[in-house]
Amino acid sequence: MLKMIFMSLSLMIMMFLIKSSFYKMIFKNYMFMLNIMLILLINKVNNYYNIFYSLGLDSISLSLMMLSIWILSICLMASNKELNKYYKKFFLLIMFFLLMILMITFFSMNLMLFFIFFELSLIPMMLLIMGWGMQINRIQASMYMIFYTLFGSLPLLMMILMMYIKMNTLMLNMLNMTNLNNMMNLFYYMILIMAFLIKMPMYFMHLWLPKAHVEAP
């Protein structure tokens, strides 16, 4: 698991040392290799695999990571116009950064680590909209998106802190929700899911989406 993260970091550094004509080819090959590595882990995943420094892997996180690689590959193939314009190296570095953040997000076994990288994924998206947006209001749209989603995630942060006070741990495999009654479990669920409904986004919570979608590259 850590070798995937270190491979991403080393590839980001290597992009400064190679010619610009090879950027896209290296990025595609890297995505292909990473997907193959995840496919090879499918048979080894049993509950939690290779837990190390609050990082772990199960079948759900493995599926989400493979889905992220597939979506980012499609985004790269659809961004030929942006790559041929300007700042090709910076565009691909942002994509690498976003992929690495998603990797740590889905592999995290600690709720606070998950929250930090879950919110950190907004920064590459904001930079993509600000740098390669289609309209003149792209800066306003990117700031609207990041502040709307950040404020929507505050209940998630509050509930994570409350869970730590009650259970003395934030590790997913050590949380014990059986001590809570059904109403308290329902309350925790509704508050925790609010941030995900905004990011999804669900109807009535999608006010940030029209501006960001119109301005996105």
N, C-alpha and C. Protein backbone atom coordinates (compact mmCIF):
# COMPACT_ATOMS: atom_id res chain seq x y z
N MET A 1 0.81 -1.20 0.00
CA MET A 1 0.00 0.00 0.00
C MET A 1 0.85 1.26 0.00
N LEU A 2 1.84 1.27 0.92
CA LEU A 2 2.74 2.42 0.95
C LEU A 2 3.59 2.51 -0.31
N LYS A 3 3.88 1.37 -0.93
CA LYS A 3 4.68 1.42 -2.16
C LYS A 3 3.91 2.11 -3.28
N MET A 4 2.56 2.03 -3.25
CA MET A 4 1.77 2.77 -4.24
C MET A 4 1.89 4.27 -4.01
N ILE A 5 1.85 4.68 -2.73
CA ILE A 5 1.96 6.11 -2.42
C ILE A 5 3.35 6.63 -2.76
N PHE A 6 4.39 5.85 -2.40
CA PHE A 6 5.76 6.28 -2.71
C PHE A 6 6.01 6.28 -4.21
N MET A 7 5.39 5.36 -4.93
CA MET A 7 5.52 5.35 -6.38
C MET A 7 4.90 6.61 -6.98
N SER A 8 3.77 7.05 -6.43
CA SER A 8 3.15 8.28 -6.90
C SER A 8 4.04 9.49 -6.63
N LEU A 9 4.63 9.54 -5.43
CA LEU A 9 5.51 10.66 -5.09
C LEU A 9 6.75 10.69 -5.99
N SER A 10 7.35 9.53 -6.20
CA SER A 10 8.55 9.48 -7.05
C SER A 10 8.24 9.86 -8.49
N LEU A 11 7.04 9.50 -8.95
CA LEU A 11 6.66 9.84 -10.32
C LEU A 11 6.41 11.34 -10.46
N MET A 12 5.86 11.96 -9.41
CA MET A 12 5.67 13.41 -9.43
C MET A 12 7.02 14.13 -9.52
N ILE A 13 8.02 13.62 -8.79
CA ILE A 13 9.35 14.23 -8.85
C ILE A 13 9.99 14.00 -10.22
N MET A 14 9.78 12.82 -10.77
CA MET A 14 10.39 12.48 -12.05
C MET A 14 9.85 13.34 -13.19
N MET A 15 8.63 13.85 -13.03
CA MET A 15 8.04 14.66 -14.09
C MET A 15 8.80 15.96 -14.30
N PHE A 16 9.55 16.42 -13.29
CA PHE A 16 10.35 17.62 -13.46
C PHE A 16 11.64 17.36 -14.23
N LEU A 17 11.98 16.09 -14.44
CA LEU A 17 13.27 15.74 -15.03
C LEU A 17 13.15 15.21 -16.45
N ILE A 18 11.94 15.10 -16.98
CA ILE A 18 11.76 14.53 -18.31
C ILE A 18 11.18 15.57 -19.25
N LYS A 19 11.19 15.26 -20.53
CA LYS A 19 10.65 16.17 -21.53
C LYS A 19 9.13 16.18 -21.48
N SER A 20 8.58 17.31 -21.89
CA SER A 20 7.12 17.48 -21.79
C SER A 20 6.35 16.55 -22.72
N SER A 21 6.98 16.05 -23.77
CA SER A 21 6.28 15.19 -24.72
C SER A 21 5.96 13.82 -24.14
N PHE A 22 6.61 13.45 -23.02
CA PHE A 22 6.40 12.13 -22.43
C PHE A 22 5.45 12.17 -21.23
N TYR A 23 4.96 13.34 -20.85
CA TYR A 23 4.14 13.45 -19.64
C TYR A 23 2.91 12.57 -19.70
N LYS A 24 2.16 12.73 -20.78
CA LYS A 24 0.88 12.03 -20.88
C LYS A 24 1.07 10.53 -20.97
N MET A 25 2.09 10.10 -21.71
CA MET A 25 2.35 8.66 -21.85
C MET A 25 2.73 8.05 -20.49
N ILE A 26 3.56 8.75 -19.72
CA ILE A 26 3.97 8.24 -18.41
C ILE A 26 2.78 8.18 -17.47
N PHE A 27 1.93 9.20 -17.52
CA PHE A 27 0.75 9.21 -16.64
C PHE A 27 -0.19 8.05 -16.97
N LYS A 28 -0.41 7.78 -18.24
CA LYS A 28 -1.29 6.67 -18.63
C LYS A 28 -0.69 5.33 -18.21
N ASN A 29 0.62 5.16 -18.42
CA ASN A 29 1.26 3.91 -18.02
C ASN A 29 1.22 3.72 -16.51
N TYR A 30 1.38 4.82 -15.79
CA TYR A 30 1.32 4.74 -14.34
C TYR A 30 -0.07 4.31 -13.87
N MET A 31 -1.12 4.89 -14.46
CA MET A 31 -2.48 4.51 -14.09
C MET A 31 -2.74 3.04 -14.39
N PHE A 32 -2.22 2.58 -15.52
CA PHE A 32 -2.39 1.17 -15.89
C PHE A 32 -1.68 0.26 -14.89
N MET A 33 -0.44 0.60 -14.53
CA MET A 33 0.32 -0.22 -13.57
C MET A 33 -0.35 -0.23 -12.20
N LEU A 34 -0.85 0.93 -11.77
CA LEU A 34 -1.50 1.01 -10.47
C LEU A 34 -2.78 0.17 -10.44
N ASN A 35 -3.50 0.19 -11.53
CA ASN A 35 -4.73 -0.63 -11.61
C ASN A 35 -4.40 -2.11 -11.58
N ILE A 36 -3.32 -2.51 -12.25
CA ILE A 36 -2.90 -3.92 -12.23
C ILE A 36 -2.51 -4.33 -10.81
N MET A 37 -1.79 -3.46 -10.10
CA MET A 37 -1.40 -3.77 -8.72
C MET A 37 -2.62 -3.96 -7.83
N LEU A 38 -3.64 -3.14 -8.02
CA LEU A 38 -4.85 -3.27 -7.22
C LEU A 38 -5.63 -4.54 -7.57
N ILE A 39 -5.63 -4.89 -8.85
CA ILE A 39 -6.32 -6.12 -9.26
C ILE A 39 -5.64 -7.34 -8.64
N LEU A 40 -4.31 -7.31 -8.56
CA LEU A 40 -3.58 -8.43 -7.96
C LEU A 40 -3.85 -8.57 -6.47
N LEU A 41 -4.30 -7.48 -5.84
CA LEU A 41 -4.59 -7.52 -4.40
C LEU A 41 -5.98 -8.05 -4.09
N ILE A 42 -6.81 -8.24 -5.11
CA ILE A 42 -8.20 -8.63 -4.86
C ILE A 42 -8.29 -9.93 -4.08
N ASN A 43 -7.49 -10.92 -4.47
CA ASN A 43 -7.55 -12.22 -3.81
C ASN A 43 -6.94 -12.21 -2.42
N LYS A 44 -6.14 -11.18 -2.10
CA LYS A 44 -5.48 -11.13 -0.80
C LYS A 44 -6.28 -10.36 0.25
N VAL A 45 -7.25 -9.59 -0.21
CA VAL A 45 -8.00 -8.74 0.72
C VAL A 45 -8.97 -9.61 1.52
N ASN A 46 -8.83 -9.56 2.82
CA ASN A 46 -9.72 -10.28 3.72
C ASN A 46 -9.95 -9.41 4.95
N ASN A 47 -11.12 -8.80 5.05
CA ASN A 47 -11.42 -7.81 6.08
C ASN A 47 -10.47 -6.61 5.94
N TYR A 48 -9.39 -6.57 6.72
CA TYR A 48 -8.44 -5.47 6.64
C TYR A 48 -7.08 -6.04 6.28
N TYR A 49 -6.47 -5.48 5.27
CA TYR A 49 -5.21 -6.01 4.76
C TYR A 49 -4.11 -4.97 4.92
N ASN A 50 -2.99 -5.39 5.47
CA ASN A 50 -1.78 -4.58 5.53
C ASN A 50 -2.01 -3.25 6.24
N ILE A 51 -2.51 -3.29 7.47
CA ILE A 51 -2.73 -2.09 8.25
C ILE A 51 -1.38 -1.57 8.74
N PHE A 52 -1.09 -0.33 8.44
CA PHE A 52 0.21 0.24 8.78
C PHE A 52 0.08 1.75 8.86
N TYR A 53 0.38 2.33 10.02
CA TYR A 53 0.28 3.77 10.22
C TYR A 53 -1.09 4.31 9.80
N SER A 54 -2.14 3.71 10.33
CA SER A 54 -3.52 4.13 10.08
C SER A 54 -3.95 3.97 8.63
N LEU A 55 -3.25 3.14 7.88
CA LEU A 55 -3.64 2.85 6.50
C LEU A 55 -3.98 1.37 6.39
N GLY A 56 -5.05 1.08 5.68
CA GLY A 56 -5.47 -0.30 5.50
C GLY A 56 -6.23 -0.45 4.20
N LEU A 57 -6.64 -1.66 3.92
CA LEU A 57 -7.30 -1.94 2.64
C LEU A 57 -8.33 -3.03 2.85
N ASP A 58 -9.52 -2.80 2.35
CA ASP A 58 -10.54 -3.84 2.30
C ASP A 58 -11.17 -3.83 0.91
N SER A 59 -12.16 -4.67 0.72
CA SER A 59 -12.73 -4.81 -0.62
C SER A 59 -13.43 -3.53 -1.09
N ILE A 60 -14.04 -2.79 -0.16
CA ILE A 60 -14.74 -1.56 -0.54
C ILE A 60 -13.75 -0.47 -0.96
N SER A 61 -12.70 -0.27 -0.14
CA SER A 61 -11.71 0.75 -0.49
C SER A 61 -10.96 0.38 -1.76
N LEU A 62 -10.73 -0.91 -1.97
CA LEU A 62 -10.09 -1.36 -3.21
C LEU A 62 -10.95 -1.03 -4.42
N SER A 63 -12.25 -1.28 -4.31
CA SER A 63 -13.16 -0.98 -5.42
C SER A 63 -13.23 0.52 -5.69
N LEU A 64 -13.27 1.33 -4.63
CA LEU A 64 -13.34 2.78 -4.80
C LEU A 64 -12.05 3.32 -5.42
N MET A 65 -10.92 2.74 -5.05
CA MET A 65 -9.65 3.20 -5.63
C MET A 65 -9.57 2.85 -7.11
N MET A 66 -10.02 1.67 -7.49
CA MET A 66 -10.03 1.29 -8.90
C MET A 66 -10.99 2.18 -9.68
N LEU A 67 -12.12 2.54 -9.08
CA LEU A 67 -13.06 3.45 -9.73
C LEU A 67 -12.43 4.83 -9.91
N SER A 68 -11.67 5.30 -8.92
CA SER A 68 -11.01 6.61 -9.03
C SER A 68 -9.99 6.61 -10.16
N ILE A 69 -9.23 5.53 -10.28
CA ILE A 69 -8.24 5.43 -11.36
C ILE A 69 -8.93 5.46 -12.72
N TRP A 70 -10.04 4.75 -12.82
CA TRP A 70 -10.78 4.70 -14.08
C TRP A 70 -11.32 6.09 -14.44
N ILE A 71 -11.88 6.80 -13.46
CA ILE A 71 -12.45 8.13 -13.73
C ILE A 71 -11.36 9.13 -14.09
N LEU A 72 -10.23 9.10 -13.37
CA LEU A 72 -9.14 10.02 -13.69
C LEU A 72 -8.53 9.72 -15.05
N SER A 73 -8.51 8.46 -15.44
CA SER A 73 -8.02 8.11 -16.78
C SER A 73 -8.93 8.69 -17.86
N ILE A 74 -10.24 8.62 -17.63
CA ILE A 74 -11.19 9.21 -18.58
C ILE A 74 -11.03 10.73 -18.62
N CYS A 75 -10.84 11.34 -17.45
CA CYS A 75 -10.62 12.80 -17.40
C CYS A 75 -9.38 13.19 -18.18
N LEU A 76 -8.33 12.39 -18.08
CA LEU A 76 -7.10 12.69 -18.81
C LEU A 76 -7.30 12.57 -20.31
N MET A 77 -8.02 11.53 -20.73
CA MET A 77 -8.27 11.36 -22.17
C MET A 77 -9.17 12.46 -22.71
N ALA A 78 -10.05 13.01 -21.87
CA ALA A 78 -10.96 14.07 -22.31
C ALA A 78 -10.32 15.45 -22.22
N SER A 79 -9.08 15.54 -21.74
CA SER A 79 -8.44 16.84 -21.51
C SER A 79 -7.34 17.12 -22.52
N ASN A 80 -7.45 16.58 -23.72
CA ASN A 80 -6.42 16.83 -24.73
C ASN A 80 -6.31 18.31 -25.08
N LYS A 81 -7.46 19.00 -25.12
CA LYS A 81 -7.44 20.42 -25.46
C LYS A 81 -6.71 21.22 -24.40
N GLU A 82 -6.97 20.90 -23.11
CA GLU A 82 -6.30 21.63 -22.03
C GLU A 82 -4.80 21.32 -22.00
N LEU A 83 -4.44 20.05 -22.28
CA LEU A 83 -3.03 19.68 -22.26
C LEU A 83 -2.25 20.33 -23.39
N ASN A 84 -2.92 20.60 -24.50
CA ASN A 84 -2.25 21.22 -25.64
C ASN A 84 -2.19 22.74 -25.53
N LYS A 85 -2.87 23.31 -24.54
CA LYS A 85 -2.88 24.76 -24.40
C LYS A 85 -1.63 25.26 -23.70
N TYR A 86 -1.55 25.07 -22.41
CA TYR A 86 -0.47 25.64 -21.62
C TYR A 86 -0.37 24.91 -20.29
N TYR A 87 0.76 25.03 -19.64
CA TYR A 87 1.01 24.46 -18.31
C TYR A 87 0.66 22.97 -18.26
N LYS A 88 1.16 22.23 -19.24
CA LYS A 88 0.88 20.79 -19.29
C LYS A 88 1.43 20.08 -18.05
N LYS A 89 2.64 20.45 -17.65
CA LYS A 89 3.26 19.81 -16.50
C LYS A 89 2.46 20.06 -15.23
N PHE A 90 2.01 21.30 -15.03
CA PHE A 90 1.25 21.63 -13.83
C PHE A 90 -0.10 20.93 -13.81
N PHE A 91 -0.73 20.79 -14.98
CA PHE A 91 -2.01 20.10 -15.07
C PHE A 91 -1.87 18.64 -14.63
N LEU A 92 -0.85 17.96 -15.12
CA LEU A 92 -0.65 16.56 -14.76
C LEU A 92 -0.20 16.40 -13.31
N LEU A 93 0.54 17.36 -12.80
CA LEU A 93 0.93 17.31 -11.39
C LEU A 93 -0.30 17.42 -10.48
N ILE A 94 -1.24 18.26 -10.86
CA ILE A 94 -2.48 18.37 -10.08
C ILE A 94 -3.25 17.05 -10.13
N MET A 95 -3.27 16.41 -11.29
CA MET A 95 -3.95 15.11 -11.40
C MET A 95 -3.27 14.06 -10.54
N PHE A 96 -1.92 14.07 -10.52
CA PHE A 96 -1.18 13.16 -9.65
C PHE A 96 -1.51 13.43 -8.19
N PHE A 97 -1.52 14.70 -7.83
CA PHE A 97 -1.80 15.09 -6.45
C PHE A 97 -3.20 14.65 -6.04
N LEU A 98 -4.17 14.82 -6.93
CA LEU A 98 -5.53 14.39 -6.64
C LEU A 98 -5.62 12.88 -6.48
N LEU A 99 -4.91 12.15 -7.34
CA LEU A 99 -4.92 10.69 -7.24
C LEU A 99 -4.30 10.22 -5.93
N MET A 100 -3.22 10.85 -5.51
CA MET A 100 -2.56 10.45 -4.27
C MET A 100 -3.44 10.76 -3.06
N ILE A 101 -4.14 11.90 -3.09
CA ILE A 101 -5.06 12.24 -2.00
C ILE A 101 -6.20 11.24 -1.92
N LEU A 102 -6.76 10.87 -3.07
CA LEU A 102 -7.83 9.87 -3.08
C LEU A 102 -7.34 8.52 -2.59
N MET A 103 -6.10 8.19 -2.92
CA MET A 103 -5.53 6.93 -2.48
C MET A 103 -5.45 6.87 -0.95
N ILE A 104 -4.94 7.93 -0.34
CA ILE A 104 -4.83 7.95 1.12
C ILE A 104 -6.21 8.04 1.76
N THR A 105 -7.14 8.74 1.12
CA THR A 105 -8.50 8.84 1.65
C THR A 105 -9.16 7.47 1.75
N PHE A 106 -9.08 6.70 0.68
CA PHE A 106 -9.75 5.40 0.66
C PHE A 106 -8.98 4.34 1.45
N PHE A 107 -7.70 4.55 1.68
CA PHE A 107 -6.90 3.57 2.43
C PHE A 107 -6.81 3.90 3.91
N SER A 108 -7.35 5.04 4.33
CA SER A 108 -7.19 5.45 5.73
C SER A 108 -8.11 4.63 6.63
N MET A 109 -7.57 4.23 7.77
CA MET A 109 -8.32 3.50 8.78
C MET A 109 -8.67 4.37 9.98
N ASN A 110 -8.21 5.61 9.96
CA ASN A 110 -8.47 6.56 11.03
C ASN A 110 -9.46 7.60 10.53
N LEU A 111 -10.50 7.88 11.30
CA LEU A 111 -11.54 8.80 10.84
C LEU A 111 -11.02 10.22 10.65
N MET A 112 -10.11 10.67 11.53
CA MET A 112 -9.58 12.02 11.38
C MET A 112 -8.69 12.12 10.15
N LEU A 113 -7.88 11.10 9.90
CA LEU A 113 -7.06 11.07 8.69
C LEU A 113 -7.95 11.06 7.45
N PHE A 114 -9.02 10.29 7.51
CA PHE A 114 -9.97 10.25 6.40
C PHE A 114 -10.58 11.63 6.16
N PHE A 115 -10.97 12.32 7.24
CA PHE A 115 -11.60 13.63 7.09
C PHE A 115 -10.63 14.64 6.48
N ILE A 116 -9.38 14.63 6.94
CA ILE A 116 -8.39 15.60 6.45
C ILE A 116 -8.17 15.43 4.95
N PHE A 117 -7.95 14.21 4.51
CA PHE A 117 -7.68 13.99 3.09
C PHE A 117 -8.95 14.06 2.25
N PHE A 118 -10.08 13.77 2.86
CA PHE A 118 -11.36 13.92 2.17
C PHE A 118 -11.60 15.38 1.81
N GLU A 119 -11.27 16.29 2.72
CA GLU A 119 -11.42 17.71 2.45
C GLU A 119 -10.26 18.26 1.62
N LEU A 120 -9.08 17.64 1.76
CA LEU A 120 -7.93 18.09 0.98
C LEU A 120 -8.11 17.86 -0.51
N SER A 121 -8.98 16.93 -0.87
CA SER A 121 -9.23 16.67 -2.29
C SER A 121 -9.91 17.84 -2.98
N LEU A 122 -10.43 18.80 -2.21
CA LEU A 122 -11.04 19.99 -2.82
C LEU A 122 -9.99 20.91 -3.45
N ILE A 123 -8.77 20.89 -2.92
CA ILE A 123 -7.75 21.83 -3.41
C ILE A 123 -7.38 21.55 -4.87
N PRO A 124 -7.07 20.30 -5.27
CA PRO A 124 -6.79 20.08 -6.70
C PRO A 124 -7.97 20.43 -7.60
N MET A 125 -9.19 20.14 -7.16
CA MET A 125 -10.35 20.49 -7.99
C MET A 125 -10.49 22.00 -8.11
N MET A 126 -10.23 22.73 -7.03
CA MET A 126 -10.28 24.18 -7.09
C MET A 126 -9.23 24.73 -8.05
N LEU A 127 -8.01 24.16 -8.01
CA LEU A 127 -6.94 24.61 -8.90
C LEU A 127 -7.27 24.32 -10.36
N LEU A 128 -7.90 23.17 -10.61
CA LEU A 128 -8.28 22.83 -11.99
C LEU A 128 -9.32 23.81 -12.53
N ILE A 129 -10.30 24.16 -11.70
CA ILE A 129 -11.33 25.10 -12.14
C ILE A 129 -10.74 26.50 -12.33
N MET A 130 -9.89 26.93 -11.39
CA MET A 130 -9.31 28.27 -11.49
C MET A 130 -8.34 28.39 -12.66
N GLY A 131 -7.57 27.34 -12.91
CA GLY A 131 -6.54 27.43 -13.94
C GLY A 131 -7.01 27.12 -15.34
N TRP A 132 -7.94 26.18 -15.47
CA TRP A 132 -8.35 25.73 -16.81
C TRP A 132 -9.86 25.83 -17.00
N GLY A 133 -10.52 26.70 -16.25
CA GLY A 133 -11.96 26.88 -16.40
C GLY A 133 -12.33 27.49 -17.74
N MET A 134 -13.59 27.30 -18.12
CA MET A 134 -14.05 27.74 -19.44
C MET A 134 -14.59 29.17 -19.46
N GLN A 135 -15.02 29.69 -18.31
CA GLN A 135 -15.68 30.99 -18.27
C GLN A 135 -14.88 31.97 -17.41
N ILE A 136 -15.29 33.23 -17.46
CA ILE A 136 -14.57 34.27 -16.72
C ILE A 136 -14.87 34.22 -15.22
N ASN A 137 -15.95 33.55 -14.83
CA ASN A 137 -16.33 33.48 -13.42
C ASN A 137 -15.77 32.24 -12.73
N ARG A 138 -14.70 31.66 -13.27
CA ARG A 138 -14.20 30.40 -12.72
C ARG A 138 -13.62 30.57 -11.32
N ILE A 139 -13.02 31.72 -11.02
CA ILE A 139 -12.46 31.94 -9.68
C ILE A 139 -13.59 32.02 -8.65
N GLN A 140 -14.64 32.75 -8.99
CA GLN A 140 -15.79 32.84 -8.09
C GLN A 140 -16.44 31.48 -7.88
N ALA A 141 -16.55 30.69 -8.95
CA ALA A 141 -17.16 29.36 -8.84
C ALA A 141 -16.32 28.43 -7.99
N SER A 142 -15.00 28.48 -8.14
CA SER A 142 -14.13 27.60 -7.36
C SER A 142 -14.17 27.96 -5.88
N MET A 143 -14.17 29.26 -5.56
CA MET A 143 -14.25 29.66 -4.16
C MET A 143 -15.61 29.31 -3.56
N TYR A 144 -16.67 29.46 -4.34
CA TYR A 144 -18.01 29.10 -3.88
C TYR A 144 -18.07 27.61 -3.57
N MET A 145 -17.48 26.80 -4.44
CA MET A 145 -17.49 25.35 -4.24
C MET A 145 -16.74 24.96 -2.97
N ILE A 146 -15.55 25.51 -2.77
CA ILE A 146 -14.72 25.06 -1.65
C ILE A 146 -15.31 25.51 -0.32
N PHE A 147 -15.85 26.73 -0.24
CA PHE A 147 -16.40 27.19 1.03
C PHE A 147 -17.74 26.51 1.34
N TYR A 148 -18.55 26.28 0.33
CA TYR A 148 -19.84 25.60 0.54
C TYR A 148 -19.62 24.19 1.07
N THR A 149 -18.70 23.45 0.45
CA THR A 149 -18.46 22.07 0.87
C THR A 149 -17.70 22.00 2.19
N LEU A 150 -16.83 22.97 2.46
CA LEU A 150 -16.12 22.97 3.74
C LEU A 150 -17.07 23.22 4.90
N PHE A 151 -17.95 24.21 4.76
CA PHE A 151 -18.92 24.47 5.82
C PHE A 151 -19.90 23.30 5.97
N GLY A 152 -20.20 22.63 4.87
CA GLY A 152 -21.08 21.47 4.95
C GLY A 152 -20.43 20.29 5.65
N SER A 153 -19.10 20.28 5.72
CA SER A 153 -18.39 19.17 6.37
C SER A 153 -18.12 19.42 7.85
N LEU A 154 -18.46 20.60 8.35
CA LEU A 154 -18.24 20.87 9.77
C LEU A 154 -19.01 19.92 10.69
N PRO A 155 -20.28 19.56 10.39
CA PRO A 155 -20.94 18.55 11.24
C PRO A 155 -20.20 17.22 11.28
N LEU A 156 -19.59 16.83 10.15
CA LEU A 156 -18.81 15.59 10.13
C LEU A 156 -17.63 15.68 11.08
N LEU A 157 -16.94 16.81 11.10
CA LEU A 157 -15.82 17.00 12.02
C LEU A 157 -16.28 16.97 13.47
N MET A 158 -17.40 17.62 13.75
CA MET A 158 -17.92 17.64 15.12
C MET A 158 -18.29 16.23 15.59
N MET A 159 -18.89 15.44 14.72
CA MET A 159 -19.27 14.08 15.11
C MET A 159 -18.05 13.18 15.28
N ILE A 160 -17.01 13.40 14.49
CA ILE A 160 -15.78 12.63 14.66
C ILE A 160 -15.17 12.92 16.03
N LEU A 161 -15.17 14.20 16.42
CA LEU A 161 -14.63 14.56 17.74
C LEU A 161 -15.50 13.99 18.86
N MET A 162 -16.81 13.99 18.69
CA MET A 162 -17.70 13.41 19.70
C MET A 162 -17.49 11.90 19.81
N MET A 163 -17.27 11.24 18.69
CA MET A 163 -17.02 9.80 18.72
C MET A 163 -15.71 9.50 19.43
N TYR A 164 -14.72 10.37 19.26
CA TYR A 164 -13.45 10.15 19.96
C TYR A 164 -13.61 10.32 21.47
N ILE A 165 -14.43 11.31 21.88
CA ILE A 165 -14.66 11.52 23.31
C ILE A 165 -15.38 10.33 23.93
N LYS A 166 -16.34 9.76 23.21
CA LYS A 166 -17.13 8.66 23.76
C LYS A 166 -16.42 7.32 23.68
N MET A 167 -15.60 7.10 22.63
CA MET A 167 -15.04 5.77 22.39
C MET A 167 -13.52 5.71 22.53
N ASN A 168 -12.87 6.87 22.69
CA ASN A 168 -11.42 6.94 22.91
C ASN A 168 -10.59 6.37 21.76
N THR A 169 -11.16 6.29 20.60
CA THR A 169 -10.43 5.83 19.42
C THR A 169 -11.14 6.32 18.17
N LEU A 170 -10.37 6.46 17.09
CA LEU A 170 -10.94 6.81 15.80
C LEU A 170 -10.61 5.76 14.74
N MET A 171 -10.01 4.65 15.15
CA MET A 171 -9.70 3.58 14.21
C MET A 171 -10.99 2.84 13.84
N LEU A 172 -11.20 2.65 12.56
CA LEU A 172 -12.46 2.07 12.09
C LEU A 172 -12.67 0.65 12.60
N ASN A 173 -11.59 -0.12 12.73
CA ASN A 173 -11.74 -1.50 13.16
C ASN A 173 -11.85 -1.64 14.68
N MET A 174 -11.81 -0.51 15.41
CA MET A 174 -11.91 -0.56 16.87
C MET A 174 -13.12 0.20 17.40
N LEU A 175 -13.89 0.81 16.50
CA LEU A 175 -15.08 1.54 16.95
C LEU A 175 -16.15 0.55 17.42
N ASN A 176 -16.75 0.87 18.53
CA ASN A 176 -17.80 0.02 19.10
C ASN A 176 -19.08 0.84 19.20
N MET A 177 -19.99 0.61 18.26
CA MET A 177 -21.24 1.35 18.23
C MET A 177 -22.37 0.63 18.97
N THR A 178 -22.07 -0.53 19.55
CA THR A 178 -23.13 -1.30 20.20
C THR A 178 -23.55 -0.70 21.53
N ASN A 179 -22.71 0.17 22.10
CA ASN A 179 -23.05 0.78 23.38
C ASN A 179 -24.07 1.90 23.25
N LEU A 180 -24.36 2.31 22.02
CA LEU A 180 -25.30 3.40 21.79
C LEU A 180 -26.68 2.84 21.48
N ASN A 181 -27.71 3.58 21.87
CA ASN A 181 -29.07 3.14 21.54
C ASN A 181 -29.38 3.45 20.09
N ASN A 182 -30.52 2.97 19.64
CA ASN A 182 -30.87 3.10 18.23
C ASN A 182 -31.05 4.56 17.80
N MET A 183 -31.64 5.38 18.66
CA MET A 183 -31.84 6.79 18.32
C MET A 183 -30.50 7.52 18.20
N MET A 184 -29.55 7.20 19.07
CA MET A 184 -28.24 7.84 19.00
C MET A 184 -27.49 7.39 17.75
N ASN A 185 -27.61 6.12 17.40
CA ASN A 185 -26.98 5.64 16.17
C ASN A 185 -27.57 6.34 14.94
N LEU A 186 -28.89 6.53 14.94
CA LEU A 186 -29.54 7.22 13.83
C LEU A 186 -29.09 8.67 13.76
N PHE A 187 -28.95 9.32 14.91
CA PHE A 187 -28.48 10.71 14.95
C PHE A 187 -27.06 10.81 14.40
N TYR A 188 -26.18 9.91 14.83
CA TYR A 188 -24.81 9.89 14.32
C TYR A 188 -24.80 9.69 12.81
N TYR A 189 -25.63 8.79 12.36
CA TYR A 189 -25.67 8.49 10.92
C TYR A 189 -26.11 9.70 10.11
N MET A 190 -27.16 10.38 10.54
CA MET A 190 -27.68 11.52 9.78
C MET A 190 -26.68 12.67 9.74
N ILE A 191 -25.96 12.90 10.84
CA ILE A 191 -24.99 13.98 10.86
C ILE A 191 -23.76 13.62 10.04
N LEU A 192 -23.29 12.38 10.16
CA LEU A 192 -22.10 11.96 9.44
C LEU A 192 -22.31 11.95 7.93
N ILE A 193 -23.52 11.60 7.51
CA ILE A 193 -23.77 11.46 6.08
C ILE A 193 -24.01 12.80 5.39
N MET A 194 -24.22 13.87 6.17
CA MET A 194 -24.53 15.17 5.58
C MET A 194 -23.41 15.65 4.66
N ALA A 195 -22.16 15.49 5.10
CA ALA A 195 -21.03 15.92 4.27
C ALA A 195 -20.98 15.16 2.95
N PHE A 196 -21.31 13.88 2.99
CA PHE A 196 -21.28 13.07 1.77
C PHE A 196 -22.44 13.42 0.84
N LEU A 197 -23.58 13.79 1.41
CA LEU A 197 -24.72 14.20 0.57
C LEU A 197 -24.41 15.51 -0.15
N ILE A 198 -23.66 16.40 0.49
CA ILE A 198 -23.28 17.66 -0.16
C ILE A 198 -22.25 17.40 -1.25
N LYS A 199 -21.31 16.51 -0.99
CA LYS A 199 -20.29 16.22 -1.99
C LYS A 199 -20.87 15.42 -3.16
N MET A 200 -21.95 14.68 -2.91
CA MET A 200 -22.46 13.76 -3.94
C MET A 200 -22.83 14.45 -5.26
N PRO A 201 -23.57 15.50 -5.40
CA PRO A 201 -24.39 16.15 -4.38
C PRO A 201 -25.85 15.72 -4.53
N MET A 202 -26.55 15.69 -3.41
CA MET A 202 -27.97 15.34 -3.41
C MET A 202 -28.81 16.59 -3.71
N TYR A 203 -29.99 16.35 -4.25
CA TYR A 203 -30.89 17.47 -4.57
C TYR A 203 -31.21 18.26 -3.30
N PHE A 204 -31.26 19.59 -3.44
CA PHE A 204 -31.40 20.57 -2.36
C PHE A 204 -30.07 20.85 -1.65
N MET A 205 -29.05 20.02 -1.90
CA MET A 205 -27.72 20.27 -1.34
C MET A 205 -26.69 20.47 -2.44
N HIS A 206 -27.15 20.73 -3.65
CA HIS A 206 -26.28 20.79 -4.81
C HIS A 206 -26.06 22.23 -5.30
N LEU A 207 -26.23 23.22 -4.42
CA LEU A 207 -26.17 24.61 -4.87
C LEU A 207 -24.79 25.00 -5.39
N TRP A 208 -23.74 24.28 -4.96
CA TRP A 208 -22.40 24.59 -5.45
C TRP A 208 -22.14 24.00 -6.83
N LEU A 209 -22.93 22.98 -7.22
CA LEU A 209 -22.62 22.22 -8.43
C LEU A 209 -22.84 23.00 -9.73
N PRO A 210 -23.96 23.75 -9.91
CA PRO A 210 -24.16 24.41 -11.21
C PRO A 210 -23.02 25.33 -11.61
N LYS A 211 -22.54 26.15 -10.67
CA LYS A 211 -21.44 27.06 -11.00
C LYS A 211 -20.16 26.30 -11.29
N ALA A 212 -19.83 25.33 -10.43
CA ALA A 212 -18.58 24.59 -10.62
C ALA A 212 -18.62 23.75 -11.90
N HIS A 213 -19.78 23.19 -12.22
CA HIS A 213 -19.88 22.35 -13.42
C HIS A 213 -19.75 23.19 -14.69
N VAL A 214 -20.34 24.37 -14.69
CA VAL A 214 -20.27 25.23 -15.88
C VAL A 214 -18.85 25.73 -16.10
N GLU A 215 -18.14 26.05 -15.02
CA GLU A 215 -16.80 26.62 -15.15
C GLU A 215 -15.71 25.57 -15.27
N ALA A 216 -16.02 24.31 -15.01
CA ALA A 216 -14.97 23.27 -14.99
C ALA A 216 -14.39 23.06 -16.38
N PRO A 217 -13.10 22.66 -16.47
CA PRO A 217 -12.49 22.41 -17.78
C PRO A 217 -13.05 21.16 -18.44
